[in-house]
N, C-alpha and C. Protein backbone atom coordinates (compact mmCIF):
# COMPACT_ATOMS: atom_id res chain seq x y z
N UNK A 1 -46.84 -34.04 -1.50
CA UNK A 1 -47.45 -32.73 -1.43
C UNK A 1 -46.60 -31.77 -0.59
N UNK A 2 -45.99 -32.28 0.47
CA UNK A 2 -45.18 -31.47 1.34
C UNK A 2 -43.95 -30.95 0.60
N UNK A 3 -43.33 -31.75 -0.23
CA UNK A 3 -42.16 -31.33 -1.01
C UNK A 3 -42.57 -30.27 -2.03
N UNK A 4 -43.74 -30.45 -2.64
CA UNK A 4 -44.23 -29.47 -3.61
C UNK A 4 -44.46 -28.11 -2.94
N UNK A 5 -45.03 -28.10 -1.74
CA UNK A 5 -45.30 -26.86 -1.02
C UNK A 5 -44.00 -26.16 -0.65
N UNK A 6 -43.00 -26.89 -0.18
CA UNK A 6 -41.71 -26.31 0.18
C UNK A 6 -41.02 -25.73 -1.04
N UNK A 7 -41.07 -26.46 -2.15
CA UNK A 7 -40.43 -25.99 -3.38
C UNK A 7 -41.13 -24.74 -3.90
N UNK A 8 -42.45 -24.72 -3.83
CA UNK A 8 -43.21 -23.55 -4.29
C UNK A 8 -42.90 -22.33 -3.43
N UNK A 9 -42.84 -22.50 -2.13
CA UNK A 9 -42.52 -21.38 -1.23
C UNK A 9 -41.12 -20.87 -1.49
N UNK A 10 -40.19 -21.77 -1.71
CA UNK A 10 -38.82 -21.37 -2.00
C UNK A 10 -38.76 -20.57 -3.30
N UNK A 11 -39.49 -20.99 -4.32
CA UNK A 11 -39.51 -20.29 -5.60
C UNK A 11 -40.13 -18.90 -5.45
N UNK A 12 -41.18 -18.78 -4.66
CA UNK A 12 -41.84 -17.49 -4.45
C UNK A 12 -40.92 -16.54 -3.69
N UNK A 13 -40.25 -17.03 -2.66
CA UNK A 13 -39.34 -16.20 -1.89
C UNK A 13 -38.17 -15.75 -2.77
N UNK A 14 -37.62 -16.65 -3.58
CA UNK A 14 -36.52 -16.28 -4.47
C UNK A 14 -36.96 -15.23 -5.48
N UNK A 15 -38.15 -15.33 -6.00
CA UNK A 15 -38.67 -14.34 -6.95
C UNK A 15 -38.87 -12.99 -6.28
N UNK A 16 -39.36 -13.00 -5.04
CA UNK A 16 -39.57 -11.74 -4.32
C UNK A 16 -38.23 -11.07 -4.01
N UNK A 17 -37.26 -11.84 -3.58
CA UNK A 17 -35.94 -11.26 -3.29
C UNK A 17 -35.26 -10.79 -4.56
N UNK A 18 -35.47 -11.47 -5.66
CA UNK A 18 -34.89 -11.07 -6.93
C UNK A 18 -35.40 -9.72 -7.38
N UNK A 19 -36.61 -9.36 -7.01
CA UNK A 19 -37.18 -8.07 -7.36
C UNK A 19 -36.62 -6.93 -6.53
N UNK A 20 -35.95 -7.25 -5.44
CA UNK A 20 -35.39 -6.21 -4.56
C UNK A 20 -34.10 -5.61 -5.11
N UNK A 21 -33.47 -6.30 -6.01
CA UNK A 21 -32.18 -5.85 -6.52
C UNK A 21 -32.35 -5.26 -7.91
N UNK A 22 -31.82 -4.04 -8.12
CA UNK A 22 -31.98 -3.41 -9.42
C UNK A 22 -30.72 -3.48 -10.26
N UNK A 23 -29.70 -4.14 -9.77
CA UNK A 23 -28.49 -4.30 -10.56
C UNK A 23 -27.60 -3.08 -10.58
N UNK A 24 -27.83 -2.11 -9.71
CA UNK A 24 -27.04 -0.89 -9.73
C UNK A 24 -25.66 -1.08 -9.13
N UNK A 25 -25.40 -2.21 -8.50
CA UNK A 25 -24.10 -2.41 -7.87
C UNK A 25 -23.00 -2.54 -8.91
N UNK A 26 -23.33 -2.89 -10.13
CA UNK A 26 -22.34 -3.01 -11.19
C UNK A 26 -22.08 -1.69 -11.90
N UNK A 27 -22.75 -0.63 -11.48
CA UNK A 27 -22.61 0.66 -12.13
C UNK A 27 -21.23 1.25 -11.86
N UNK A 28 -20.66 1.88 -12.86
CA UNK A 28 -19.34 2.49 -12.72
C UNK A 28 -19.43 3.98 -12.40
N UNK A 29 -20.64 4.50 -12.20
CA UNK A 29 -20.80 5.91 -11.88
C UNK A 29 -20.34 6.15 -10.44
N UNK A 30 -19.67 7.28 -10.19
CA UNK A 30 -19.24 7.55 -8.81
C UNK A 30 -20.44 7.79 -7.91
N UNK A 31 -20.35 7.27 -6.72
CA UNK A 31 -21.44 7.45 -5.76
C UNK A 31 -21.29 8.80 -5.08
N UNK A 32 -22.40 9.47 -4.77
CA UNK A 32 -22.30 10.76 -4.08
C UNK A 32 -21.75 10.56 -2.68
N UNK A 33 -21.10 11.61 -2.17
CA UNK A 33 -20.58 11.57 -0.81
C UNK A 33 -21.74 11.48 0.17
N UNK A 34 -21.48 10.87 1.31
CA UNK A 34 -22.55 10.86 2.32
C UNK A 34 -22.83 12.27 2.80
N UNK A 35 -23.96 12.44 3.39
CA UNK A 35 -24.36 13.78 3.85
C UNK A 35 -23.31 14.36 4.79
N UNK A 36 -23.03 15.64 4.61
CA UNK A 36 -22.04 16.35 5.40
C UNK A 36 -22.77 17.33 6.30
N UNK A 37 -22.40 17.33 7.59
CA UNK A 37 -23.00 18.27 8.53
C UNK A 37 -22.58 19.68 8.14
N UNK A 38 -23.54 20.53 7.84
CA UNK A 38 -23.26 21.87 7.34
C UNK A 38 -22.48 22.71 8.35
N UNK A 39 -22.88 22.65 9.60
CA UNK A 39 -22.21 23.45 10.63
C UNK A 39 -20.75 23.05 10.76
N UNK A 40 -20.47 21.75 10.80
CA UNK A 40 -19.09 21.28 10.91
C UNK A 40 -18.29 21.67 9.67
N UNK A 41 -18.91 21.59 8.49
CA UNK A 41 -18.24 21.95 7.25
C UNK A 41 -17.84 23.43 7.26
N UNK A 42 -18.77 24.30 7.65
CA UNK A 42 -18.48 25.74 7.67
C UNK A 42 -17.38 26.05 8.67
N UNK A 43 -17.44 25.47 9.85
CA UNK A 43 -16.43 25.72 10.87
C UNK A 43 -15.05 25.25 10.41
N UNK A 44 -14.99 24.11 9.73
CA UNK A 44 -13.72 23.61 9.20
C UNK A 44 -13.16 24.56 8.15
N UNK A 45 -14.02 25.08 7.27
CA UNK A 45 -13.56 25.98 6.22
C UNK A 45 -13.08 27.31 6.79
N UNK A 46 -13.76 27.82 7.80
CA UNK A 46 -13.34 29.08 8.41
C UNK A 46 -12.02 28.91 9.16
N UNK A 47 -11.83 27.75 9.80
CA UNK A 47 -10.57 27.48 10.50
C UNK A 47 -9.40 27.32 9.53
N UNK A 48 -9.69 27.01 8.29
CA UNK A 48 -8.64 26.73 7.31
C UNK A 48 -8.61 27.82 6.24
N UNK A 49 -8.44 29.06 6.65
CA UNK A 49 -8.40 30.16 5.68
C UNK A 49 -6.95 30.49 5.32
N UNK A 50 -6.76 30.79 4.05
CA UNK A 50 -5.44 31.17 3.54
C UNK A 50 -5.67 31.88 2.21
N UNK A 51 -4.90 32.90 1.93
CA UNK A 51 -5.08 33.66 0.69
C UNK A 51 -4.77 32.83 -0.56
N UNK A 52 -3.95 31.81 -0.43
CA UNK A 52 -3.56 31.01 -1.60
C UNK A 52 -4.27 29.66 -1.64
N UNK A 53 -5.23 29.46 -0.79
CA UNK A 53 -5.94 28.19 -0.70
C UNK A 53 -6.90 28.01 -1.89
N UNK A 54 -6.96 26.80 -2.39
CA UNK A 54 -7.88 26.50 -3.49
C UNK A 54 -9.32 26.42 -2.97
N UNK A 55 -10.25 26.72 -3.83
CA UNK A 55 -11.66 26.67 -3.46
C UNK A 55 -12.10 25.23 -3.19
N UNK A 56 -13.05 25.08 -2.32
CA UNK A 56 -13.59 23.77 -1.99
C UNK A 56 -14.79 23.51 -2.91
N UNK A 57 -14.80 22.37 -3.55
CA UNK A 57 -15.91 22.01 -4.43
C UNK A 57 -17.13 21.60 -3.59
N UNK A 58 -18.24 22.27 -3.79
CA UNK A 58 -19.46 21.91 -3.07
C UNK A 58 -20.57 21.46 -4.01
N UNK A 59 -20.28 21.44 -5.31
CA UNK A 59 -21.27 20.94 -6.26
C UNK A 59 -21.52 19.47 -5.99
N UNK A 60 -22.75 19.07 -6.09
CA UNK A 60 -23.17 17.69 -5.88
C UNK A 60 -22.90 17.19 -4.47
N UNK A 61 -22.68 18.10 -3.52
CA UNK A 61 -22.49 17.74 -2.12
C UNK A 61 -23.84 17.80 -1.43
N UNK A 62 -24.13 16.79 -0.66
CA UNK A 62 -25.41 16.76 0.07
C UNK A 62 -25.13 17.13 1.52
N UNK A 63 -25.70 18.26 1.96
CA UNK A 63 -25.49 18.74 3.31
C UNK A 63 -26.67 18.35 4.18
N UNK A 64 -26.37 18.03 5.43
CA UNK A 64 -27.43 17.84 6.42
C UNK A 64 -27.40 19.04 7.35
N UNK A 65 -28.56 19.52 7.71
CA UNK A 65 -28.67 20.72 8.54
C UNK A 65 -29.13 20.30 9.94
N UNK A 66 -28.17 19.81 10.72
CA UNK A 66 -28.50 19.30 12.04
C UNK A 66 -28.74 20.41 13.06
N UNK A 67 -28.29 21.63 12.76
CA UNK A 67 -28.45 22.73 13.70
C UNK A 67 -29.47 23.76 13.23
N UNK A 68 -30.45 23.34 12.45
CA UNK A 68 -31.37 24.32 11.89
C UNK A 68 -32.24 24.99 12.96
N UNK A 69 -32.39 24.39 14.10
CA UNK A 69 -33.15 25.01 15.19
C UNK A 69 -32.24 25.60 16.26
N UNK A 70 -30.94 25.64 16.01
CA UNK A 70 -29.97 26.15 16.97
C UNK A 70 -29.50 27.52 16.51
N UNK A 71 -30.04 28.56 17.11
CA UNK A 71 -29.69 29.92 16.71
C UNK A 71 -28.25 30.29 17.08
N UNK A 72 -27.64 29.56 18.00
CA UNK A 72 -26.28 29.83 18.42
C UNK A 72 -25.25 28.92 17.74
N UNK A 73 -25.61 28.26 16.66
CA UNK A 73 -24.73 27.29 16.01
C UNK A 73 -23.39 27.88 15.60
N UNK A 74 -23.37 29.13 15.18
CA UNK A 74 -22.13 29.75 14.70
C UNK A 74 -21.61 30.85 15.63
N UNK A 75 -22.19 30.99 16.79
CA UNK A 75 -21.78 32.06 17.70
C UNK A 75 -20.30 31.95 18.08
N UNK A 76 -19.79 30.74 18.25
CA UNK A 76 -18.40 30.60 18.68
C UNK A 76 -17.41 31.03 17.59
N UNK A 77 -17.87 31.20 16.37
CA UNK A 77 -16.97 31.64 15.29
C UNK A 77 -16.74 33.15 15.32
N UNK A 78 -17.70 33.88 15.81
CA UNK A 78 -17.65 35.33 15.66
C UNK A 78 -17.51 36.08 16.98
N UNK A 79 -17.47 35.38 18.09
CA UNK A 79 -17.26 36.04 19.38
C UNK A 79 -15.78 36.28 19.55
N UNK A 80 -15.45 37.52 19.89
CA UNK A 80 -14.02 37.85 20.03
C UNK A 80 -13.70 38.26 21.42
């Protein structure tokens, strides 16, 4: 009986773990970039200005807004 109980528990655990995986790891679709801090992104783009510079692609980019409660987030860019 003890062997039957251990085998049954092992089968149940294996079935539960099998349901956790959706098989998406074999997908060939490109993964989206991790979230980019919006304030850091803007500051980098302003520091890198040039008349002949190519545009930065922001489509499908996920931004995080870590400074949404910081009213002075961009003050250092415009103080002269």
